[in-house]
Amino acid sequence: MIKVSIIVPVYQVEKYLRKCLDSLVNQTLQEIEILIINDGSPDQSQAIIDEFQQKYPLKIKSFIKENGGLSEARNFGLYRAIGEFIGFVDSDDEVSKIMFEEMYSLAIKHQAEMVICNLQKVDEQGNISQKLTQIPNMPEKIDLRENFSVFADLSYFACNKIFKRELFENKRFKKGIHFEDIQLIPQLLLKCKTIAQTQSYHYQYLERTDSITKTHTRKGLDILTAVEEVNHSFHQSQYSDKKKELKNFNVLEGVYTYLAYLAFVKEEDAFIEMNKALNAFTTKHQISKREILFYQRFEKNYLLSLPIKKKIYYFLCFTGLNQFIRKLL
C-alpha cells in the first residue's frame, strides 16, 4: 500500500533538482510514490529525472506534459496519485529524511486528515536564514471544533503538509492564477475535523540567488479573488458559525498579505486600482481599521510582532498616506 504520494512539479530547476530528489528517494518511509511532473521544462531537468527513475523505478513515476503552470502540474499529479495521503514538494527545495514518516505516523496516531510541519528558509550553502514556525503553543493533536483559531492563524503553504487524499474530492488547484495555495488549502482545512502538527523543521525552502525578482502587477488582485472563494466555501462548511475566525482570516490574508504584495507594485495605475479593490473588500466584509490594528495571531497582536519597517509601512497604509508610501518606494 502506498502511504504517501509526493507530487513534484518541475520547471527549469536542473541546478537544484538532484538535491530535491535525493531527499525524497532517501525517505525513511518506504511506502511512498514520487510523481515527478515535467511541466514542459526546456532545460536538462528531464535527463536528471530519467536518471533517478532508472535507479529507483519502484518509487519514481515520471510524466512529461506541455507547460501549463504550477496549478495544472499539481492537478496532473493529483489525478494519478494513489497514496493514502498527498504531499507536495517544490523541485528546488529539500525535505528531511524523516519528514513523511513522522507526518504519516501522526496522521494515523491521531486520525488526522491533515498534518503540518515547520519550515525554514535556507540559502544555497544550506545556511538557515529564517525559521517559520507554523502553530506555536498548540498540542500535537488539534480538534478544529475546539481550536478553530488555527483557521485564521495558519500559513497556507501546500508544501509543508500532507493531506488525506479524500480531501481533494471535487477540489483542485485553480488554474491560471497566482496564490493558488491561499485559494485551495483553506478549503481543504474546512473539510477536516482533526489536524496534527509537529514542531520539527522538516521542510527546507531555498532562497535562490539566481531568482529573477518577481514583478508585482495587477496579478496581486488574485489574492482577493482567492480569499473570496474561501469565504464562499466557508459559509457552506461545517464551521459556518465561526464568524470571528472568518473575519480574522480575511484580515490576515485579505488585508495584511495583500498589502505586503501591494508595497512592491510600481505601476501607478495598477497601485491605484488595487488600493481601490482593497477598500471595496474591507467595506464588503465590514472590516474596521480597529479590527485590523488589533488583529491577534497566535494570541499576540500581529502588527506589534512585525519588524519596525513593516510596522511603519502598515501604519502608513492604515492612515491613508498612500502617496507618501509611493514616494518611499
C-alpha atoms as a PDB file:
ATOM      1  CA  MET A   1       0.000   0.000   0.000  1.00  0.00           C
ATOM      2  CA  ILE A   2       1.250   3.469  -0.889  1.00  0.00           C
ATOM      3  CA  LYS A   3       1.040   5.590   2.238  1.00  0.00           C
ATOM      4  CA  VAL A   4       2.079   8.951   0.768  1.00  0.00           C
ATOM      5  CA  SER A   5       2.090  10.221  -2.818  1.00  0.00           C
ATOM      6  CA  ILE A   6       4.579  13.067  -3.234  1.00  0.00           C
ATOM      7  CA  ILE A   7       3.855  15.375  -6.180  1.00  0.00           C
ATOM      8  CA  VAL A   8       6.845  17.307  -7.571  1.00  0.00           C
ATOM      9  CA  PRO A   9       6.212  19.786 -10.423  1.00  0.00           C
ATOM     10  CA  VAL A  10       9.392  20.535 -12.383  1.00  0.00           C
ATOM     11  CA  TYR A  11      10.200  23.595 -14.461  1.00  0.00           C
ATOM     12  CA  GLN A  12      13.703  24.981 -15.125  1.00  0.00           C
ATOM     13  CA  VAL A  13      15.332  23.623 -11.970  1.00  0.00           C
ATOM     14  CA  GLU A  14      18.197  21.483 -13.299  1.00  0.00           C
ATOM     15  CA  LYS A  15      20.616  23.209 -10.889  1.00  0.00           C
ATOM     16  CA  TYR A  16      18.595  22.187  -7.832  1.00  0.00           C
ATOM     17  CA  LEU A  17      16.594  19.124  -8.842  1.00  0.00           C
ATOM     18  CA  ARG A  18      19.153  16.494  -7.869  1.00  0.00           C
ATOM     19  CA  LYS A  19      19.240  17.616  -4.215  1.00  0.00           C
ATOM     20  CA  CYS A  20      15.453  17.668  -4.074  1.00  0.00           C
ATOM     21  CA  LEU A  21      15.094  14.157  -5.474  1.00  0.00           C
ATOM     22  CA  ASP A  22      17.887  12.820  -3.260  1.00  0.00           C
ATOM     23  CA  SER A  23      15.953  13.994  -0.215  1.00  0.00           C
ATOM     24  CA  LEU A  24      12.831  12.201  -1.467  1.00  0.00           C
ATOM     25  CA  VAL A  25      14.236   8.834  -2.563  1.00  0.00           C
ATOM     26  CA  ASN A  26      16.029   8.559   0.791  1.00  0.00           C
ATOM     27  CA  GLN A  27      12.895   8.970   2.898  1.00  0.00           C
ATOM     28  CA  THR A  28      12.740   6.592   5.863  1.00  0.00           C
ATOM     29  CA  LEU A  29       9.101   5.976   4.960  1.00  0.00           C
ATOM     30  CA  GLN A  30       9.361   3.281   2.301  1.00  0.00           C
ATOM     31  CA  GLU A  31       5.746   3.068   1.141  1.00  0.00           C
ATOM     32  CA  ILE A  32       5.808   6.206  -0.993  1.00  0.00           C
ATOM     33  CA  GLU A  33       5.458   7.123  -4.631  1.00  0.00           C
ATOM     34  CA  ILE A  34       7.153  10.184  -6.104  1.00  0.00           C
ATOM     35  CA  LEU A  35       5.227  11.644  -9.030  1.00  0.00           C
ATOM     36  CA  ILE A  36       7.544  13.953 -10.977  1.00  0.00           C
ATOM     37  CA  ILE A  37       5.665  16.191 -13.382  1.00  0.00           C
ATOM     38  CA  ASN A  38       7.882  17.779 -16.013  1.00  0.00           C
ATOM     39  CA  ASP A  39       5.795  20.823 -16.920  1.00  0.00           C
ATOM     40  CA  GLY A  40       7.398  21.362 -20.311  1.00  0.00           C
ATOM     41  CA  SER A  41      10.772  22.336 -18.822  1.00  0.00           C
ATOM     42  CA  PRO A  42      13.176  23.475 -21.596  1.00  0.00           C
ATOM     43  CA  ASP A  43      16.380  22.700 -19.672  1.00  0.00           C
ATOM     44  CA  GLN A  44      18.063  19.395 -18.820  1.00  0.00           C
ATOM     45  CA  SER A  45      15.755  18.565 -15.917  1.00  0.00           C
ATOM     46  CA  GLN A  46      14.304  15.535 -17.716  1.00  0.00           C
ATOM     47  CA  ALA A  47      17.754  13.928 -18.001  1.00  0.00           C
ATOM     48  CA  ILE A  48      18.055  14.103 -14.212  1.00  0.00           C
ATOM     49  CA  ILE A  49      14.527  12.727 -13.792  1.00  0.00           C
ATOM     50  CA  ASP A  50      15.334   9.827 -16.146  1.00  0.00           C
ATOM     51  CA  GLU A  51      18.455   9.035 -14.151  1.00  0.00           C
ATOM     52  CA  PHE A  52      16.527   8.834 -10.885  1.00  0.00           C
ATOM     53  CA  GLN A  53      13.638   6.946 -12.465  1.00  0.00           C
ATOM     54  CA  GLN A  54      16.011   4.268 -13.739  1.00  0.00           C
ATOM     55  CA  LYS A  55      17.726   3.996 -10.365  1.00  0.00           C
ATOM     56  CA  TYR A  56      14.513   3.991  -8.309  1.00  0.00           C
ATOM     57  CA  PRO A  57      11.847   2.515 -10.623  1.00  0.00           C
ATOM     58  CA  LEU A  58       9.618   1.362  -7.748  1.00  0.00           C
ATOM     59  CA  LYS A  59       9.447   4.825  -6.207  1.00  0.00           C
ATOM     60  CA  ILE A  60       9.557   7.321  -9.054  1.00  0.00           C
ATOM     61  CA  LYS A  61       6.857   7.864 -11.649  1.00  0.00           C
ATOM     62  CA  SER A  62       7.890  10.274 -14.386  1.00  0.00           C
ATOM     63  CA  PHE A  63       5.479  12.306 -16.511  1.00  0.00           C
ATOM     64  CA  ILE A  64       6.022  14.923 -19.217  1.00  0.00           C
ATOM     65  CA  LYS A  65       3.341  17.420 -20.187  1.00  0.00           C
ATOM     66  CA  GLU A  66       3.047  20.721 -22.011  1.00  0.00           C
ATOM     67  CA  ASN A  67       3.750  23.762 -19.889  1.00  0.00           C
ATOM     68  CA  GLY A  68       0.636  24.854 -18.034  1.00  0.00           C
ATOM     69  CA  GLY A  69       1.862  26.310 -14.766  1.00  0.00           C
ATOM     70  CA  LEU A  70       2.149  25.114 -11.175  1.00  0.00           C
ATOM     71  CA  SER A  71      -1.545  24.508 -10.521  1.00  0.00           C
ATOM     72  CA  GLU A  72      -2.017  22.433 -13.664  1.00  0.00           C
ATOM     73  CA  ALA A  73       1.081  20.354 -12.884  1.00  0.00           C
ATOM     74  CA  ARG A  74      -0.084  19.654  -9.337  1.00  0.00           C
ATOM     75  CA  ASN A  75      -3.558  18.732 -10.573  1.00  0.00           C
ATOM     76  CA  PHE A  76      -1.985  16.416 -13.159  1.00  0.00           C
ATOM     77  CA  GLY A  77      -0.305  14.604 -10.276  1.00  0.00           C
ATOM     78  CA  LEU A  78      -3.453  14.524  -8.158  1.00  0.00           C
ATOM     79  CA  TYR A  79      -5.366  12.668 -10.872  1.00  0.00           C
ATOM     80  CA  ARG A  80      -2.684   9.970 -10.884  1.00  0.00           C
ATOM     81  CA  ALA A  81      -1.788   9.703  -7.186  1.00  0.00           C
ATOM     82  CA  ILE A  82      -2.866   6.522  -5.372  1.00  0.00           C
ATOM     83  CA  GLY A  83      -1.449   7.185  -1.891  1.00  0.00           C
ATOM     84  CA  GLU A  84      -3.469   7.331   1.288  1.00  0.00           C
ATOM     85  CA  PHE A  85      -2.063  10.850   1.802  1.00  0.00           C
ATOM     86  CA  ILE A  86      -0.804  13.509  -0.606  1.00  0.00           C
ATOM     87  CA  GLY A  87       2.267  15.724  -0.218  1.00  0.00           C
ATOM     88  CA  PHE A  88       3.682  18.486  -2.420  1.00  0.00           C
ATOM     89  CA  VAL A  89       7.363  19.380  -2.738  1.00  0.00           C
ATOM     90  CA  ASP A  90       8.734  22.211  -4.875  1.00  0.00           C
ATOM     91  CA  SER A  91      11.551  20.936  -7.072  1.00  0.00           C
ATOM     92  CA  ASP A  92      14.180  23.402  -5.855  1.00  0.00           C
ATOM     93  CA  ASP A  93      13.560  22.622  -2.165  1.00  0.00           C
ATOM     94  CA  GLU A  94      14.609  19.767   0.123  1.00  0.00           C
ATOM     95  CA  VAL A  95      12.980  17.872   2.969  1.00  0.00           C
ATOM     96  CA  SER A  96      14.399  15.973   5.940  1.00  0.00           C
ATOM     97  CA  LYS A  97      14.764  12.212   5.597  1.00  0.00           C
ATOM     98  CA  ILE A  98      12.130  11.527   8.258  1.00  0.00           C
ATOM     99  CA  MET A  99       9.577  14.127   7.161  1.00  0.00           C
ATOM    100  CA  PHE A 100       6.985  11.841   5.641  1.00  0.00           C
ATOM    101  CA  GLU A 101       7.475   9.045   8.163  1.00  0.00           C
ATOM    102  CA  GLU A 102       6.832  11.345  11.112  1.00  0.00           C
ATOM    103  CA  MET A 103       3.929  13.152   9.492  1.00  0.00           C
ATOM    104  CA  TYR A 104       2.247   9.949   8.320  1.00  0.00           C
ATOM    105  CA  SER A 105       2.668   8.432  11.808  1.00  0.00           C
ATOM    106  CA  LEU A 106       0.985  11.489  13.333  1.00  0.00           C
ATOM    107  CA  ALA A 107      -1.878  11.212  10.853  1.00  0.00           C
ATOM    108  CA  ILE A 108      -2.503   7.583  11.830  1.00  0.00           C
ATOM    109  CA  LYS A 109      -1.949   8.170  15.548  1.00  0.00           C
ATOM    110  CA  HIS A 110      -4.488  10.989  15.726  1.00  0.00           C
ATOM    111  CA  GLN A 111      -6.743  10.024  12.789  1.00  0.00           C
ATOM    112  CA  ALA A 112      -5.934  13.425  11.307  1.00  0.00           C
ATOM    113  CA  GLU A 113      -6.936  14.475   7.812  1.00  0.00           C
ATOM    114  CA  MET A 114      -4.075  16.996   7.563  1.00  0.00           C
ATOM    115  CA  VAL A 115      -0.631  17.129   9.187  1.00  0.00           C
ATOM    116  CA  ILE A 116       1.608  20.201   9.307  1.00  0.00           C
ATOM    117  CA  CYS A 117       5.325  20.730   9.959  1.00  0.00           C
ATOM    118  CA  ASN A 118       7.518  23.811  10.322  1.00  0.00           C
ATOM    119  CA  LEU A 119       9.623  25.286   7.521  1.00  0.00           C
ATOM    120  CA  GLN A 120      12.917  27.100   7.360  1.00  0.00           C
ATOM    121  CA  LYS A 121      14.423  29.250   4.636  1.00  0.00           C
ATOM    122  CA  VAL A 122      17.938  28.299   3.589  1.00  0.00           C
ATOM    123  CA  ASP A 123      20.498  29.724   1.180  1.00  0.00           C
ATOM    124  CA  GLU A 124      22.343  27.716  -1.466  1.00  0.00           C
ATOM    125  CA  GLN A 125      25.034  26.798   1.045  1.00  0.00           C
ATOM    126  CA  GLY A 126      22.415  25.348   3.382  1.00  0.00           C
ATOM    127  CA  ASN A 127      22.614  28.179   5.917  1.00  0.00           C
ATOM    128  CA  ILE A 128      19.340  28.880   7.694  1.00  0.00           C
ATOM    129  CA  SER A 129      18.110  32.438   7.137  1.00  0.00           C
ATOM    130  CA  GLN A 130      14.665  32.223   8.741  1.00  0.00           C
ATOM    131  CA  LYS A 131      12.639  29.748  10.752  1.00  0.00           C
ATOM    132  CA  LEU A 132       8.912  29.725  10.025  1.00  0.00           C
ATOM    133  CA  THR A 133       7.074  28.251  12.998  1.00  0.00           C
ATOM    134  CA  GLN A 134       3.552  27.278  11.969  1.00  0.00           C
ATOM    135  CA  ILE A 135       1.397  26.574  15.031  1.00  0.00           C
ATOM    136  CA  PRO A 136       3.137  27.529  18.287  1.00  0.00           C
ATOM    137  CA  ASN A 137       1.575  26.808  21.669  1.00  0.00           C
ATOM    138  CA  MET A 138      -0.808  24.184  20.317  1.00  0.00           C
ATOM    139  CA  PRO A 139      -0.953  20.441  21.069  1.00  0.00           C
ATOM    140  CA  GLU A 140       0.171  17.737  18.669  1.00  0.00           C
ATOM    141  CA  LYS A 141      -3.455  16.804  18.003  1.00  0.00           C
ATOM    142  CA  ILE A 142      -5.808  19.674  17.199  1.00  0.00           C
ATOM    143  CA  ASP A 143      -9.575  19.278  17.291  1.00  0.00           C
ATOM    144  CA  LEU A 144     -10.699  22.019  14.912  1.00  0.00           C
ATOM    145  CA  ARG A 145     -14.110  22.480  16.505  1.00  0.00           C
ATOM    146  CA  GLU A 146     -12.381  23.292  19.809  1.00  0.00           C
ATOM    147  CA  ASN A 147      -9.378  25.137  18.366  1.00  0.00           C
ATOM    148  CA  PHE A 148     -10.684  26.797  15.243  1.00  0.00           C
ATOM    149  CA  SER A 149      -8.464  29.869  15.708  1.00  0.00           C
ATOM    150  CA  VAL A 150      -5.887  27.990  13.607  1.00  0.00           C
ATOM    151  CA  PHE A 151      -8.060  28.655  10.550  1.00  0.00           C
ATOM    152  CA  ALA A 152      -7.181  32.350  10.782  1.00  0.00           C
ATOM    153  CA  ASP A 153      -3.622  31.887  12.085  1.00  0.00           C
ATOM    154  CA  LEU A 154      -2.248  29.230   9.767  1.00  0.00           C
ATOM    155  CA  SER A 155       0.144  29.916   6.879  1.00  0.00           C
ATOM    156  CA  TYR A 156      -1.428  28.230   3.878  1.00  0.00           C
ATOM    157  CA  PHE A 157       1.619  26.724   2.166  1.00  0.00           C
ATOM    158  CA  ALA A 158       0.900  23.463   0.364  1.00  0.00           C
ATOM    159  CA  CYS A 159       4.436  22.127   0.690  1.00  0.00           C
ATOM    160  CA  ASN A 160       4.726  21.633   4.483  1.00  0.00           C
ATOM    161  CA  LYS A 161       1.610  19.486   4.840  1.00  0.00           C
ATOM    162  CA  ILE A 162       0.229  16.092   3.989  1.00  0.00           C
ATOM    163  CA  PHE A 163      -3.434  15.714   3.132  1.00  0.00           C
ATOM    164  CA  LYS A 164      -5.829  12.789   3.246  1.00  0.00           C
ATOM    165  CA  ARG A 165      -6.414  12.064  -0.426  1.00  0.00           C
ATOM    166  CA  GLU A 166     -10.195  12.217   0.003  1.00  0.00           C
ATOM    167  CA  LEU A 167      -9.924  15.941   0.822  1.00  0.00           C
ATOM    168  CA  PHE A 168      -9.284  16.560  -2.878  1.00  0.00           C
ATOM    169  CA  GLU A 169     -12.590  15.074  -3.999  1.00  0.00           C
ATOM    170  CA  ASN A 170     -14.164  17.855  -6.091  1.00  0.00           C
ATOM    171  CA  LYS A 171     -11.279  20.154  -5.128  1.00  0.00           C
ATOM    172  CA  ARG A 172      -8.318  21.162  -7.278  1.00  0.00           C
ATOM    173  CA  PHE A 173      -5.802  23.994  -7.549  1.00  0.00           C
ATOM    174  CA  LYS A 174      -7.245  26.779  -9.663  1.00  0.00           C
ATOM    175  CA  LYS A 175      -5.502  27.197 -12.992  1.00  0.00           C
ATOM    176  CA  GLY A 176      -4.160  30.473 -14.315  1.00  0.00           C
ATOM    177  CA  ILE A 177      -3.967  32.341 -11.022  1.00  0.00           C
ATOM    178  CA  HIS A 178      -1.284  33.340  -8.589  1.00  0.00           C
ATOM    179  CA  PHE A 179      -1.645  32.487  -4.888  1.00  0.00           C
ATOM    180  CA  GLU A 180      -3.281  29.145  -5.639  1.00  0.00           C
ATOM    181  CA  ASP A 181      -2.378  27.888  -2.153  1.00  0.00           C
ATOM    182  CA  ILE A 182      -4.443  30.618  -0.473  1.00  0.00           C
ATOM    183  CA  GLN A 183      -7.346  29.673  -2.714  1.00  0.00           C
ATOM    184  CA  LEU A 184      -7.342  25.901  -2.089  1.00  0.00           C
ATOM    185  CA  ILE A 185      -5.636  24.918   1.178  1.00  0.00           C
ATOM    186  CA  PRO A 186      -8.096  26.751   3.485  1.00  0.00           C
ATOM    187  CA  GLN A 187     -10.940  24.995   1.655  1.00  0.00           C
ATOM    188  CA  LEU A 188      -9.305  21.648   2.400  1.00  0.00           C
ATOM    189  CA  LEU A 189      -8.948  22.594   6.066  1.00  0.00           C
ATOM    190  CA  LEU A 190     -12.674  23.332   6.207  1.00  0.00           C
ATOM    191  CA  LYS A 191     -13.313  19.681   5.301  1.00  0.00           C
ATOM    192  CA  CYS A 192     -11.202  18.451   8.248  1.00  0.00           C
ATOM    193  CA  LYS A 193     -12.262  17.610  11.785  1.00  0.00           C
ATOM    194  CA  THR A 194      -8.809  16.828  13.180  1.00  0.00           C
ATOM    195  CA  ILE A 195      -5.366  18.010  12.167  1.00  0.00           C
ATOM    196  CA  ALA A 196      -1.983  17.200  13.683  1.00  0.00           C
ATOM    197  CA  GLN A 197       1.319  19.010  13.815  1.00  0.00           C
ATOM    198  CA  THR A 198       4.995  18.533  14.543  1.00  0.00           C
ATOM    199  CA  GLN A 199       7.294  21.332  15.636  1.00  0.00           C
ATOM    200  CA  SER A 200      10.111  19.780  13.577  1.00  0.00           C
ATOM    201  CA  TYR A 201      11.504  21.917  10.756  1.00  0.00           C
ATOM    202  CA  HIS A 202      11.252  19.255   8.087  1.00  0.00           C
ATOM    203  CA  TYR A 203      10.873  21.472   5.018  1.00  0.00           C
ATOM    204  CA  GLN A 204      13.820  23.468   3.650  1.00  0.00           C
ATOM    205  CA  TYR A 205      12.674  26.343   1.438  1.00  0.00           C
ATOM    206  CA  LEU A 206      15.502  27.501  -0.839  1.00  0.00           C
ATOM    207  CA  GLU A 207      16.065  31.224  -1.332  1.00  0.00           C
ATOM    208  CA  ARG A 208      17.706  31.178  -4.740  1.00  0.00           C
ATOM    209  CA  THR A 209      20.414  33.689  -5.616  1.00  0.00           C
ATOM    210  CA  ASP A 210      19.623  33.376  -9.332  1.00  0.00           C
ATOM    211  CA  SER A 211      15.935  34.119  -8.914  1.00  0.00           C
ATOM    212  CA  ILE A 212      14.650  36.979 -11.002  1.00  0.00           C
ATOM    213  CA  THR A 213      12.805  39.435  -8.790  1.00  0.00           C
ATOM    214  CA  LYS A 214       9.117  38.838  -9.259  1.00  0.00           C
ATOM    215  CA  THR A 215       7.238  41.591 -10.981  1.00  0.00           C
ATOM    216  CA  HIS A 216       4.410  42.790  -8.792  1.00  0.00           C
ATOM    217  CA  THR A 217       1.444  43.602 -11.006  1.00  0.00           C
ATOM    218  CA  ARG A 218      -2.336  43.514 -11.039  1.00  0.00           C
ATOM    219  CA  LYS A 219      -1.930  39.755 -10.541  1.00  0.00           C
ATOM    220  CA  GLY A 220      -1.964  40.630  -6.853  1.00  0.00           C
ATOM    221  CA  LEU A 221      -5.716  41.004  -7.214  1.00  0.00           C
ATOM    222  CA  ASP A 222      -5.755  37.198  -7.314  1.00  0.00           C
ATOM    223  CA  ILE A 223      -5.201  37.298  -3.542  1.00  0.00           C
ATOM    224  CA  LEU A 224      -8.582  38.912  -3.025  1.00  0.00           C
ATOM    225  CA  THR A 225     -10.200  36.535  -5.526  1.00  0.00           C
ATOM    226  CA  ALA A 226      -8.747  33.579  -3.620  1.00  0.00           C
ATOM    227  CA  VAL A 227      -9.954  34.926  -0.281  1.00  0.00           C
ATOM    228  CA  GLU A 228     -13.451  35.471  -1.699  1.00  0.00           C
ATOM    229  CA  GLU A 229     -13.572  31.840  -2.859  1.00  0.00           C
ATOM    230  CA  VAL A 230     -12.606  30.708   0.625  1.00  0.00           C
ATOM    231  CA  ASN A 231     -15.392  32.880   2.052  1.00  0.00           C
ATOM    232  CA  HIS A 232     -17.887  31.179  -0.231  1.00  0.00           C
ATOM    233  CA  SER A 233     -16.746  27.710   0.870  1.00  0.00           C
ATOM    234  CA  PHE A 234     -16.689  28.789   4.499  1.00  0.00           C
ATOM    235  CA  HIS A 235     -20.395  29.682   4.524  1.00  0.00           C
ATOM    236  CA  GLN A 236     -21.189  26.210   3.169  1.00  0.00           C
ATOM    237  CA  SER A 237     -18.889  24.382   5.570  1.00  0.00           C
ATOM    238  CA  GLN A 238     -19.312  22.661   8.932  1.00  0.00           C
ATOM    239  CA  TYR A 239     -17.723  25.713  10.576  1.00  0.00           C
ATOM    240  CA  SER A 240     -20.041  28.351   9.131  1.00  0.00           C
ATOM    241  CA  ASP A 241     -20.935  29.503  12.647  1.00  0.00           C
ATOM    242  CA  LYS A 242     -17.322  30.523  13.396  1.00  0.00           C
ATOM    243  CA  LYS A 243     -17.714  34.060  12.088  1.00  0.00           C
ATOM    244  CA  LYS A 244     -14.956  35.595  14.230  1.00  0.00           C
ATOM    245  CA  GLU A 245     -12.356  33.264  12.741  1.00  0.00           C
ATOM    246  CA  LEU A 246     -13.550  34.048   9.217  1.00  0.00           C
ATOM    247  CA  LYS A 247     -13.183  37.761   9.937  1.00  0.00           C
ATOM    248  CA  ASN A 248      -9.644  37.177  11.198  1.00  0.00           C
ATOM    249  CA  PHE A 249      -8.792  35.120   8.106  1.00  0.00           C
ATOM    250  CA  ASN A 250      -9.989  37.996   5.939  1.00  0.00           C
ATOM    251  CA  VAL A 251      -7.837  40.425   7.923  1.00  0.00           C
ATOM    252  CA  LEU A 252      -4.667  38.324   7.654  1.00  0.00           C
ATOM    253  CA  GLU A 253      -4.922  37.214   4.028  1.00  0.00           C
ATOM    254  CA  GLY A 254      -7.182  39.879   2.517  1.00  0.00           C
ATOM    255  CA  VAL A 255      -5.514  42.849   4.210  1.00  0.00           C
ATOM    256  CA  TYR A 256      -2.022  42.089   5.531  1.00  0.00           C
ATOM    257  CA  THR A 257      -0.934  39.592   2.864  1.00  0.00           C
ATOM    258  CA  TYR A 258      -2.452  41.746   0.137  1.00  0.00           C
ATOM    259  CA  LEU A 259      -0.752  44.922   1.385  1.00  0.00           C
ATOM    260  CA  ALA A 260       2.580  43.118   1.606  1.00  0.00           C
ATOM    261  CA  TYR A 261       2.269  42.418  -2.125  1.00  0.00           C
ATOM    262  CA  LEU A 262       0.916  45.887  -2.953  1.00  0.00           C
ATOM    263  CA  ALA A 263       4.002  47.533  -1.440  1.00  0.00           C
ATOM    264  CA  PHE A 264       6.065  46.438  -4.469  1.00  0.00           C
ATOM    265  CA  VAL A 265       3.623  47.315  -7.251  1.00  0.00           C
ATOM    266  CA  LYS A 266       5.472  50.004  -9.202  1.00  0.00           C
ATOM    267  CA  GLU A 267       2.928  50.908 -11.875  1.00  0.00           C
ATOM    268  CA  GLU A 268       0.900  53.844 -10.585  1.00  0.00           C
ATOM    269  CA  ASP A 269      -2.386  52.916 -12.301  1.00  0.00           C
ATOM    270  CA  ALA A 270      -2.172  49.350 -11.012  1.00  0.00           C
ATOM    271  CA  PHE A 271      -1.412  50.578  -7.498  1.00  0.00           C
ATOM    272  CA  ILE A 272      -4.455  52.867  -7.506  1.00  0.00           C
ATOM    273  CA  GLU A 273      -6.733  50.149  -8.916  1.00  0.00           C
ATOM    274  CA  MET A 274      -5.525  47.590  -6.377  1.00  0.00           C
ATOM    275  CA  ASN A 275      -5.871  50.023  -3.495  1.00  0.00           C
ATOM    276  CA  LYS A 276      -9.486  50.673  -4.518  1.00  0.00           C
ATOM    277  CA  ALA A 277     -10.086  46.924  -4.639  1.00  0.00           C
ATOM    278  CA  LEU A 278      -8.800  46.602  -1.074  1.00  0.00           C
ATOM    279  CA  ASN A 279     -11.123  49.360   0.113  1.00  0.00           C
ATOM    280  CA  ALA A 280     -14.045  47.611  -1.569  1.00  0.00           C
ATOM    281  CA  PHE A 281     -13.031  44.320   0.089  1.00  0.00           C
ATOM    282  CA  THR A 282     -12.858  45.771   3.612  1.00  0.00           C
ATOM    283  CA  THR A 283     -16.190  47.569   3.082  1.00  0.00           C
ATOM    284  CA  LYS A 284     -17.896  44.413   1.812  1.00  0.00           C
ATOM    285  CA  HIS A 285     -16.683  42.339   4.750  1.00  0.00           C
ATOM    286  CA  GLN A 286     -17.192  45.135   7.291  1.00  0.00           C
ATOM    287  CA  ILE A 287     -13.563  45.126   8.415  1.00  0.00           C
ATOM    288  CA  SER A 288     -12.797  48.188  10.512  1.00  0.00           C
ATOM    289  CA  LYS A 289      -9.385  49.791  10.999  1.00  0.00           C
ATOM    290  CA  ARG A 290      -9.630  48.890  14.666  1.00  0.00           C
ATOM    291  CA  GLU A 291     -10.077  45.208  13.780  1.00  0.00           C
ATOM    292  CA  ILE A 292      -7.029  45.408  11.538  1.00  0.00           C
ATOM    293  CA  LEU A 293      -4.851  47.201  14.086  1.00  0.00           C
ATOM    294  CA  PHE A 294      -5.848  44.906  16.952  1.00  0.00           C
ATOM    295  CA  TYR A 295      -5.861  41.647  14.992  1.00  0.00           C
ATOM    296  CA  GLN A 296      -4.235  38.898  17.040  1.00  0.00           C
ATOM    297  CA  ARG A 297      -2.358  35.961  15.588  1.00  0.00           C
ATOM    298  CA  PHE A 298      -1.443  33.142  17.954  1.00  0.00           C
ATOM    299  CA  GLU A 299      -2.845  35.300  20.783  1.00  0.00           C
ATOM    300  CA  LYS A 300      -0.405  38.137  20.105  1.00  0.00           C
ATOM    301  CA  ASN A 301      -1.011  41.471  18.390  1.00  0.00           C
ATOM    302  CA  TYR A 302       0.113  40.798  14.848  1.00  0.00           C
ATOM    303  CA  LEU A 303       1.124  44.344  13.921  1.00  0.00           C
ATOM    304  CA  LEU A 304       3.279  44.778  17.028  1.00  0.00           C
ATOM    305  CA  SER A 305       5.051  41.481  16.323  1.00  0.00           C
ATOM    306  CA  LEU A 306       6.394  42.691  12.966  1.00  0.00           C
ATOM    307  CA  PRO A 307       9.802  44.294  12.227  1.00  0.00           C
ATOM    308  CA  ILE A 308       9.904  48.082  12.505  1.00  0.00           C
ATOM    309  CA  LYS A 309       9.912  48.724   8.730  1.00  0.00           C
ATOM    310  CA  LYS A 310       6.770  46.662   8.276  1.00  0.00           C
ATOM    311  CA  LYS A 311       5.101  48.397  11.216  1.00  0.00           C
ATOM    312  CA  ILE A 312       5.770  51.769   9.599  1.00  0.00           C
ATOM    313  CA  TYR A 313       4.531  50.586   6.214  1.00  0.00           C
ATOM    314  CA  TYR A 314       1.273  49.187   7.552  1.00  0.00           C
ATOM    315  CA  PHE A 315       0.704  52.230   9.745  1.00  0.00           C
ATOM    316  CA  LEU A 316       1.027  54.499   6.707  1.00  0.00           C
ATOM    317  CA  CYS A 317      -1.416  52.277   4.818  1.00  0.00           C
ATOM    318  CA  PHE A 318      -3.976  52.337   7.598  1.00  0.00           C
ATOM    319  CA  THR A 319      -3.755  56.119   7.958  1.00  0.00           C
ATOM    320  CA  GLY A 320      -4.328  56.647   4.237  1.00  0.00           C
ATOM    321  CA  LEU A 321      -0.874  58.023   3.418  1.00  0.00           C
ATOM    322  CA  ASN A 322      -0.584  56.040   0.231  1.00  0.00           C
ATOM    323  CA  GLN A 323       1.065  58.844  -1.747  1.00  0.00           C
ATOM    324  CA  PHE A 324       3.793  59.067   0.865  1.00  0.00           C
ATOM    325  CA  ILE A 325       4.331  55.336   0.518  1.00  0.00           C
ATOM    326  CA  ARG A 326       4.747  55.746  -3.243  1.00  0.00           C
ATOM    327  CA  LYS A 327       7.493  58.324  -2.693  1.00  0.00           C
ATOM    328  CA  LEU A 328       9.280  55.979  -0.287  1.00  0.00           C
ATOM    329  CA  LEU A 329       9.158  53.176  -2.845  1.00  0.00           C
END
